[in-house]
Amino acid sequence: MAETKIVVSVVETIKVIKFESTYNKEVKQLILSVLSEYGFSFHSEWDSDLDNIEATYSGRSGFWIAVDGSKIIGTSALLEYQNNNAILKRMYLSRTYRGKGIGYRLLDEAISFARTKMYSEILLDTTRTMVQAQKLYTAFGFIKTKEQDELIIYKLKLK
């Protein structure tokens, strides 16, 4: 009798879940690893949210992680901002998992959350070197609103 093999896509085994404090250390490590890959390092002012993710992203804010089994492979976050707007933050994915639709799922989770919270717009900033991320943002309808040096600002109108 011939043996039948079932092939399961890596993407099918990955879950996007709400952040829990038990993941704080691993999330911070992943984010700092991706930042390092692009030539950035921890900045105490800009990255202070990583030391208290649960408190920073509570209420009308949210933080999600992509997990492959018990391994954290990606993150996305939405932070409440002024005038009923939100800021997309912490959109990071481990290099080996890029280009497989996981970033899409993380971004979709954040945008869906923003819609349930009745936000008017989502703002985000990225750098010129994060080309794959820029393609993802424009695919979701984000519009480039400003470019300054290495920084690019995008906006998505929800209403």
N, C-alpha and C. Protein backbone atom coordinates (compact mmCIF):
# COMPACT_ATOMS: atom_id res chain seq x y z
N MET A 1 0.83 -1.17 0.00
CA MET A 1 0.00 0.00 0.00
C MET A 1 0.88 1.24 0.00
N ALA A 2 0.58 2.21 -0.85
CA ALA A 2 1.37 3.43 -0.96
C ALA A 2 1.08 4.36 0.21
N GLU A 3 2.16 5.00 0.69
CA GLU A 3 2.03 5.94 1.80
C GLU A 3 1.58 7.30 1.28
N THR A 4 0.60 7.89 1.92
CA THR A 4 0.11 9.21 1.52
C THR A 4 0.69 10.26 2.45
N LYS A 5 1.28 11.29 1.84
CA LYS A 5 1.84 12.39 2.63
C LYS A 5 0.93 13.60 2.49
N ILE A 6 0.68 14.22 3.61
CA ILE A 6 -0.10 15.44 3.61
C ILE A 6 0.86 16.60 3.83
N VAL A 7 0.86 17.52 2.91
CA VAL A 7 1.73 18.68 3.02
C VAL A 7 0.91 19.85 3.54
N VAL A 8 1.37 20.43 4.65
CA VAL A 8 0.69 21.57 5.25
C VAL A 8 1.56 22.80 5.04
N SER A 9 0.99 23.82 4.48
CA SER A 9 1.69 25.08 4.28
C SER A 9 2.11 25.66 5.61
N VAL A 10 3.31 26.23 5.65
CA VAL A 10 3.80 26.88 6.86
C VAL A 10 2.82 27.96 7.32
N VAL A 11 2.26 28.68 6.37
CA VAL A 11 1.34 29.77 6.70
C VAL A 11 0.12 29.26 7.46
N GLU A 12 -0.34 28.06 7.14
CA GLU A 12 -1.53 27.50 7.80
C GLU A 12 -1.28 27.19 9.26
N THR A 13 -0.04 26.98 9.65
CA THR A 13 0.27 26.65 11.04
C THR A 13 0.50 27.90 11.89
N ILE A 14 0.51 29.05 11.28
CA ILE A 14 0.78 30.30 11.98
C ILE A 14 -0.51 30.94 12.45
N LYS A 15 -0.49 31.40 13.69
CA LYS A 15 -1.66 32.05 14.27
C LYS A 15 -1.31 33.50 14.60
N VAL A 16 -2.28 34.38 14.42
CA VAL A 16 -2.16 35.76 14.86
C VAL A 16 -3.04 35.88 16.09
N ILE A 17 -2.41 36.23 17.21
CA ILE A 17 -3.13 36.29 18.49
C ILE A 17 -2.86 37.63 19.19
N LYS A 18 -3.71 37.95 20.13
CA LYS A 18 -3.55 39.15 20.94
C LYS A 18 -2.34 38.96 21.86
N PHE A 19 -1.58 40.02 22.04
CA PHE A 19 -0.40 39.99 22.90
C PHE A 19 -0.77 39.66 24.33
N GLU A 20 0.08 38.89 24.99
CA GLU A 20 -0.02 38.61 26.42
C GLU A 20 1.34 38.91 27.04
N SER A 21 1.35 39.37 28.28
CA SER A 21 2.59 39.80 28.92
C SER A 21 3.66 38.72 29.00
N THR A 22 3.26 37.46 28.97
CA THR A 22 4.26 36.38 29.02
C THR A 22 5.17 36.39 27.80
N TYR A 23 4.75 37.09 26.73
CA TYR A 23 5.54 37.14 25.50
C TYR A 23 6.46 38.36 25.43
N ASN A 24 6.44 39.21 26.46
CA ASN A 24 7.15 40.50 26.39
C ASN A 24 8.61 40.37 25.98
N LYS A 25 9.35 39.49 26.63
CA LYS A 25 10.79 39.35 26.35
C LYS A 25 11.04 38.92 24.90
N GLU A 26 10.30 37.91 24.43
CA GLU A 26 10.49 37.40 23.08
C GLU A 26 10.08 38.42 22.01
N VAL A 27 9.02 39.17 22.30
CA VAL A 27 8.58 40.21 21.36
C VAL A 27 9.65 41.28 21.22
N LYS A 28 10.17 41.73 22.35
CA LYS A 28 11.22 42.75 22.33
C LYS A 28 12.44 42.24 21.57
N GLN A 29 12.83 41.00 21.79
CA GLN A 29 13.97 40.42 21.07
C GLN A 29 13.74 40.40 19.57
N LEU A 30 12.55 39.99 19.14
CA LEU A 30 12.23 39.94 17.71
C LEU A 30 12.32 41.34 17.10
N ILE A 31 11.69 42.30 17.73
CA ILE A 31 11.67 43.67 17.20
C ILE A 31 13.08 44.24 17.12
N LEU A 32 13.86 44.06 18.16
CA LEU A 32 15.24 44.58 18.14
C LEU A 32 16.08 43.87 17.09
N SER A 33 15.80 42.61 16.86
CA SER A 33 16.51 41.85 15.82
C SER A 33 16.22 42.41 14.43
N VAL A 34 14.94 42.69 14.16
CA VAL A 34 14.56 43.24 12.85
C VAL A 34 15.12 44.66 12.71
N LEU A 35 15.04 45.45 13.76
CA LEU A 35 15.61 46.80 13.70
C LEU A 35 17.10 46.74 13.37
N SER A 36 17.80 45.83 14.01
CA SER A 36 19.24 45.65 13.77
C SER A 36 19.52 45.26 12.33
N GLU A 37 18.67 44.42 11.78
CA GLU A 37 18.81 43.99 10.39
C GLU A 37 18.80 45.19 9.43
N TYR A 38 18.04 46.22 9.79
CA TYR A 38 17.93 47.42 8.95
C TYR A 38 18.86 48.55 9.40
N GLY A 39 19.78 48.22 10.31
CA GLY A 39 20.77 49.20 10.74
C GLY A 39 20.35 50.10 11.88
N PHE A 40 19.29 49.75 12.59
CA PHE A 40 18.82 50.55 13.72
C PHE A 40 19.11 49.82 15.02
N SER A 41 19.13 50.55 16.12
CA SER A 41 19.32 49.94 17.42
C SER A 41 18.30 50.49 18.40
N PHE A 42 18.25 49.91 19.58
CA PHE A 42 17.30 50.32 20.61
C PHE A 42 17.53 51.79 20.95
N HIS A 43 16.44 52.54 21.01
CA HIS A 43 16.49 53.95 21.37
C HIS A 43 15.56 54.12 22.58
N SER A 44 16.09 54.51 23.72
CA SER A 44 15.31 54.53 24.96
C SER A 44 14.04 55.37 24.87
N GLU A 45 14.05 56.44 24.11
CA GLU A 45 12.85 57.29 23.99
C GLU A 45 11.83 56.67 23.02
N TRP A 46 12.28 56.27 21.84
CA TRP A 46 11.37 55.75 20.81
C TRP A 46 10.87 54.35 21.10
N ASP A 47 11.65 53.58 21.83
CA ASP A 47 11.32 52.17 22.05
C ASP A 47 10.88 51.86 23.47
N SER A 48 10.53 52.88 24.25
CA SER A 48 10.15 52.66 25.65
C SER A 48 8.89 51.80 25.77
N ASP A 49 8.05 51.79 24.74
CA ASP A 49 6.84 50.96 24.76
C ASP A 49 7.17 49.47 24.89
N LEU A 50 8.34 49.08 24.44
CA LEU A 50 8.71 47.66 24.47
C LEU A 50 8.93 47.14 25.88
N ASP A 51 9.12 48.04 26.83
CA ASP A 51 9.31 47.62 28.22
C ASP A 51 8.00 47.46 28.97
N ASN A 52 6.90 47.93 28.37
CA ASN A 52 5.59 47.77 29.00
C ASN A 52 4.50 47.74 27.93
N ILE A 53 4.56 46.73 27.09
CA ILE A 53 3.65 46.61 25.95
C ILE A 53 2.19 46.56 26.40
N GLU A 54 1.92 45.77 27.42
CA GLU A 54 0.54 45.58 27.86
C GLU A 54 -0.12 46.91 28.27
N ALA A 55 0.58 47.74 29.01
CA ALA A 55 0.02 49.02 29.46
C ALA A 55 -0.06 50.02 28.30
N THR A 56 0.97 50.04 27.47
CA THR A 56 1.01 51.00 26.36
C THR A 56 -0.11 50.76 25.36
N TYR A 57 -0.40 49.51 25.07
CA TYR A 57 -1.36 49.17 24.02
C TYR A 57 -2.67 48.62 24.60
N SER A 58 -3.17 49.26 25.66
CA SER A 58 -4.44 48.85 26.26
C SER A 58 -5.55 49.81 25.83
N GLY A 59 -6.76 49.55 26.28
CA GLY A 59 -7.88 50.42 25.95
C GLY A 59 -8.23 50.37 24.47
N ARG A 60 -8.18 51.51 23.79
CA ARG A 60 -8.50 51.59 22.37
C ARG A 60 -7.29 51.27 21.51
N SER A 61 -6.23 50.78 22.12
CA SER A 61 -5.02 50.38 21.41
C SER A 61 -4.93 48.85 21.44
N GLY A 62 -4.08 48.28 20.60
CA GLY A 62 -3.95 46.83 20.57
C GLY A 62 -2.59 46.40 20.07
N PHE A 63 -2.20 45.20 20.42
CA PHE A 63 -0.92 44.63 20.01
C PHE A 63 -1.14 43.15 19.70
N TRP A 64 -0.66 42.72 18.53
CA TRP A 64 -0.83 41.33 18.09
C TRP A 64 0.51 40.71 17.76
N ILE A 65 0.55 39.39 17.90
CA ILE A 65 1.75 38.66 17.54
C ILE A 65 1.39 37.50 16.62
N ALA A 66 2.31 37.20 15.73
CA ALA A 66 2.18 36.01 14.89
C ALA A 66 3.08 34.95 15.51
N VAL A 67 2.52 33.77 15.71
CA VAL A 67 3.28 32.69 16.31
C VAL A 67 3.26 31.46 15.41
N ASP A 68 4.40 30.81 15.37
CA ASP A 68 4.54 29.54 14.67
C ASP A 68 4.86 28.53 15.76
N GLY A 69 3.84 27.82 16.20
CA GLY A 69 4.01 26.97 17.38
C GLY A 69 4.16 27.87 18.59
N SER A 70 5.32 27.79 19.25
CA SER A 70 5.57 28.67 20.39
C SER A 70 6.55 29.79 20.04
N LYS A 71 6.95 29.85 18.78
CA LYS A 71 7.93 30.85 18.34
C LYS A 71 7.23 32.12 17.84
N ILE A 72 7.62 33.25 18.38
CA ILE A 72 7.08 34.53 17.93
C ILE A 72 7.83 34.96 16.69
N ILE A 73 7.06 35.21 15.61
CA ILE A 73 7.70 35.51 14.32
C ILE A 73 7.31 36.87 13.76
N GLY A 74 6.30 37.52 14.37
CA GLY A 74 5.88 38.81 13.85
C GLY A 74 5.04 39.58 14.85
N THR A 75 4.92 40.89 14.59
CA THR A 75 4.14 41.75 15.47
C THR A 75 3.43 42.84 14.67
N SER A 76 2.37 43.36 15.23
CA SER A 76 1.73 44.57 14.74
C SER A 76 1.03 45.21 15.93
N ALA A 77 0.87 46.53 15.87
CA ALA A 77 0.24 47.24 16.99
C ALA A 77 -0.49 48.46 16.47
N LEU A 78 -1.46 48.88 17.23
CA LEU A 78 -2.21 50.08 16.92
C LEU A 78 -2.28 50.90 18.20
N LEU A 79 -1.88 52.16 18.09
CA LEU A 79 -1.84 53.04 19.25
C LEU A 79 -2.81 54.20 19.05
N GLU A 80 -3.68 54.41 20.04
CA GLU A 80 -4.62 55.52 19.96
C GLU A 80 -3.87 56.83 19.86
N TYR A 81 -4.36 57.71 18.99
CA TYR A 81 -3.71 58.99 18.76
C TYR A 81 -4.78 60.08 18.85
N GLN A 82 -4.44 61.28 18.56
CA GLN A 82 -5.37 62.41 18.68
C GLN A 82 -6.43 62.43 17.58
N ASN A 83 -7.52 63.15 17.85
CA ASN A 83 -8.60 63.37 16.88
C ASN A 83 -9.19 62.09 16.30
N ASN A 84 -9.35 61.07 17.15
CA ASN A 84 -9.95 59.80 16.73
C ASN A 84 -9.14 59.08 15.65
N ASN A 85 -7.84 59.26 15.67
CA ASN A 85 -6.93 58.56 14.76
C ASN A 85 -6.10 57.56 15.55
N ALA A 86 -5.50 56.66 14.82
CA ALA A 86 -4.61 55.67 15.43
C ALA A 86 -3.31 55.64 14.64
N ILE A 87 -2.27 55.17 15.29
CA ILE A 87 -0.97 55.02 14.64
C ILE A 87 -0.63 53.53 14.59
N LEU A 88 -0.30 53.06 13.40
CA LEU A 88 0.17 51.68 13.25
C LEU A 88 1.62 51.65 13.71
N LYS A 89 1.91 50.73 14.61
CA LYS A 89 3.25 50.62 15.18
C LYS A 89 3.70 49.15 15.12
N ARG A 90 4.95 48.97 15.30
CA ARG A 90 5.56 47.65 15.55
C ARG A 90 5.19 46.58 14.52
N MET A 91 5.18 46.97 13.26
CA MET A 91 4.91 46.04 12.16
C MET A 91 6.24 45.38 11.79
N TYR A 92 6.51 44.24 12.41
CA TYR A 92 7.79 43.54 12.20
C TYR A 92 7.55 42.07 11.96
N LEU A 93 8.39 41.49 11.11
CA LEU A 93 8.29 40.08 10.78
C LEU A 93 9.69 39.50 10.62
N SER A 94 9.88 38.34 11.20
CA SER A 94 11.16 37.64 11.08
C SER A 94 11.48 37.40 9.61
N ARG A 95 12.71 37.57 9.23
CA ARG A 95 13.13 37.51 7.83
C ARG A 95 12.67 36.24 7.11
N THR A 96 12.78 35.10 7.74
CA THR A 96 12.44 33.83 7.08
C THR A 96 10.95 33.67 6.81
N TYR A 97 10.12 34.51 7.41
CA TYR A 97 8.68 34.39 7.23
C TYR A 97 8.10 35.47 6.31
N ARG A 98 8.94 36.33 5.78
CA ARG A 98 8.46 37.41 4.91
C ARG A 98 8.06 36.86 3.54
N GLY A 99 7.10 37.54 2.93
CA GLY A 99 6.66 37.16 1.59
C GLY A 99 5.72 35.98 1.57
N LYS A 100 5.17 35.61 2.72
CA LYS A 100 4.30 34.44 2.82
C LYS A 100 2.87 34.82 3.24
N GLY A 101 2.56 36.12 3.28
CA GLY A 101 1.22 36.55 3.64
C GLY A 101 0.99 36.78 5.12
N ILE A 102 2.01 36.61 5.93
CA ILE A 102 1.85 36.78 7.38
C ILE A 102 1.77 38.26 7.74
N GLY A 103 2.57 39.07 7.09
CA GLY A 103 2.50 40.52 7.31
C GLY A 103 1.12 41.04 6.94
N TYR A 104 0.55 40.49 5.88
CA TYR A 104 -0.80 40.83 5.45
C TYR A 104 -1.79 40.55 6.58
N ARG A 105 -1.67 39.38 7.17
CA ARG A 105 -2.58 38.99 8.25
C ARG A 105 -2.43 39.89 9.48
N LEU A 106 -1.18 40.24 9.81
CA LEU A 106 -0.94 41.12 10.95
C LEU A 106 -1.52 42.51 10.71
N LEU A 107 -1.32 43.04 9.51
CA LEU A 107 -1.85 44.36 9.17
C LEU A 107 -3.38 44.33 9.12
N ASP A 108 -3.94 43.29 8.55
CA ASP A 108 -5.38 43.15 8.48
C ASP A 108 -6.00 43.12 9.87
N GLU A 109 -5.35 42.45 10.80
CA GLU A 109 -5.84 42.38 12.18
C GLU A 109 -5.89 43.79 12.79
N ALA A 110 -4.83 44.57 12.59
CA ALA A 110 -4.78 45.93 13.13
C ALA A 110 -5.85 46.83 12.50
N ILE A 111 -6.02 46.74 11.20
CA ILE A 111 -7.02 47.56 10.52
C ILE A 111 -8.44 47.17 10.93
N SER A 112 -8.70 45.89 11.05
CA SER A 112 -10.02 45.42 11.50
C SER A 112 -10.32 45.95 12.91
N PHE A 113 -9.33 45.90 13.77
CA PHE A 113 -9.47 46.41 15.13
C PHE A 113 -9.79 47.91 15.09
N ALA A 114 -9.08 48.65 14.24
CA ALA A 114 -9.29 50.10 14.11
C ALA A 114 -10.73 50.40 13.68
N ARG A 115 -11.24 49.59 12.78
CA ARG A 115 -12.62 49.79 12.32
C ARG A 115 -13.61 49.53 13.46
N THR A 116 -13.38 48.51 14.27
CA THR A 116 -14.30 48.22 15.39
C THR A 116 -14.25 49.33 16.44
N LYS A 117 -13.13 50.01 16.53
CA LYS A 117 -12.98 51.11 17.49
C LYS A 117 -13.40 52.45 16.89
N MET A 118 -13.87 52.40 15.63
CA MET A 118 -14.41 53.57 14.94
C MET A 118 -13.37 54.69 14.73
N TYR A 119 -12.14 54.31 14.49
CA TYR A 119 -11.13 55.31 14.16
C TYR A 119 -11.41 55.90 12.79
N SER A 120 -11.01 57.15 12.58
CA SER A 120 -11.18 57.82 11.28
C SER A 120 -10.03 57.51 10.34
N GLU A 121 -8.81 57.49 10.88
CA GLU A 121 -7.62 57.27 10.07
C GLU A 121 -6.59 56.46 10.83
N ILE A 122 -5.74 55.81 10.06
CA ILE A 122 -4.56 55.17 10.62
C ILE A 122 -3.36 55.84 9.97
N LEU A 123 -2.43 56.27 10.80
CA LEU A 123 -1.19 56.86 10.33
C LEU A 123 -0.06 55.88 10.62
N LEU A 124 1.00 55.97 9.85
CA LEU A 124 2.18 55.16 10.13
C LEU A 124 3.40 55.84 9.55
N ASP A 125 4.55 55.47 10.10
CA ASP A 125 5.80 55.92 9.49
C ASP A 125 6.68 54.70 9.25
N THR A 126 7.48 54.79 8.23
CA THR A 126 8.41 53.73 7.88
C THR A 126 9.65 54.39 7.28
N THR A 127 10.60 53.58 6.90
CA THR A 127 11.81 54.13 6.28
C THR A 127 11.92 53.68 4.84
N ARG A 128 12.73 54.38 4.09
CA ARG A 128 12.94 54.03 2.68
C ARG A 128 13.49 52.62 2.50
N THR A 129 14.24 52.13 3.47
CA THR A 129 14.84 50.81 3.34
C THR A 129 13.83 49.67 3.51
N MET A 130 12.70 49.95 4.08
CA MET A 130 11.68 48.91 4.30
C MET A 130 10.72 48.84 3.11
N VAL A 131 11.26 48.45 1.99
CA VAL A 131 10.54 48.45 0.71
C VAL A 131 9.37 47.47 0.72
N GLN A 132 9.57 46.27 1.26
CA GLN A 132 8.48 45.28 1.29
C GLN A 132 7.30 45.81 2.11
N ALA A 133 7.60 46.48 3.21
CA ALA A 133 6.54 47.04 4.05
C ALA A 133 5.76 48.11 3.28
N GLN A 134 6.47 48.95 2.54
CA GLN A 134 5.81 50.00 1.76
C GLN A 134 4.84 49.40 0.75
N LYS A 135 5.24 48.32 0.12
CA LYS A 135 4.36 47.65 -0.85
C LYS A 135 3.10 47.12 -0.17
N LEU A 136 3.28 46.56 1.02
CA LEU A 136 2.14 46.05 1.78
C LEU A 136 1.19 47.18 2.14
N TYR A 137 1.71 48.28 2.61
CA TYR A 137 0.87 49.41 3.01
C TYR A 137 0.08 49.95 1.82
N THR A 138 0.71 50.12 0.69
CA THR A 138 -0.01 50.65 -0.47
C THR A 138 -1.04 49.64 -0.98
N ALA A 139 -0.77 48.35 -0.84
CA ALA A 139 -1.74 47.33 -1.24
C ALA A 139 -3.01 47.42 -0.39
N PHE A 140 -2.89 47.89 0.84
CA PHE A 140 -4.04 48.06 1.73
C PHE A 140 -4.72 49.41 1.55
N GLY A 141 -4.17 50.26 0.68
CA GLY A 141 -4.79 51.55 0.42
C GLY A 141 -4.18 52.72 1.15
N PHE A 142 -3.10 52.49 1.88
CA PHE A 142 -2.40 53.59 2.53
C PHE A 142 -1.83 54.51 1.46
N ILE A 143 -1.89 55.81 1.72
CA ILE A 143 -1.38 56.82 0.78
C ILE A 143 -0.20 57.53 1.42
N LYS A 144 0.85 57.68 0.65
CA LYS A 144 2.03 58.38 1.11
C LYS A 144 1.69 59.86 1.25
N THR A 145 1.93 60.44 2.45
CA THR A 145 1.58 61.84 2.68
C THR A 145 2.79 62.74 2.87
N LYS A 146 3.93 62.14 3.22
CA LYS A 146 5.12 62.97 3.45
C LYS A 146 6.38 62.11 3.35
N GLU A 147 7.41 62.71 2.81
CA GLU A 147 8.73 62.08 2.77
C GLU A 147 9.74 63.10 3.27
N GLN A 148 10.57 62.67 4.20
CA GLN A 148 11.60 63.56 4.72
C GLN A 148 12.81 62.71 5.07
N ASP A 149 13.89 62.96 4.35
CA ASP A 149 15.11 62.18 4.52
C ASP A 149 14.78 60.69 4.34
N GLU A 150 15.01 59.88 5.36
CA GLU A 150 14.75 58.44 5.27
C GLU A 150 13.33 58.06 5.69
N LEU A 151 12.59 59.00 6.25
CA LEU A 151 11.28 58.73 6.81
C LEU A 151 10.16 58.95 5.78
N ILE A 152 9.19 58.04 5.78
CA ILE A 152 8.01 58.16 4.93
C ILE A 152 6.78 57.99 5.82
N ILE A 153 5.81 58.90 5.65
CA ILE A 153 4.56 58.88 6.41
C ILE A 153 3.44 58.44 5.48
N TYR A 154 2.60 57.52 5.96
CA TYR A 154 1.44 57.04 5.22
C TYR A 154 0.17 57.28 6.04
N LYS A 155 -0.96 57.32 5.33
CA LYS A 155 -2.25 57.49 5.99
C LYS A 155 -3.29 56.62 5.27
N LEU A 156 -4.18 56.02 6.07
CA LEU A 156 -5.31 55.26 5.54
C LEU A 156 -6.58 55.84 6.14
N LYS A 157 -7.47 56.34 5.29
CA LYS A 157 -8.77 56.85 5.76
C LYS A 157 -9.72 55.67 5.94
N LEU A 158 -10.36 55.61 7.08
CA LEU A 158 -11.30 54.54 7.36
C LEU A 158 -12.74 54.99 7.23
N LYS A 159 -12.99 56.28 7.26
CA LYS A 159 -14.34 56.82 7.16
C LYS A 159 -14.42 57.77 6.00
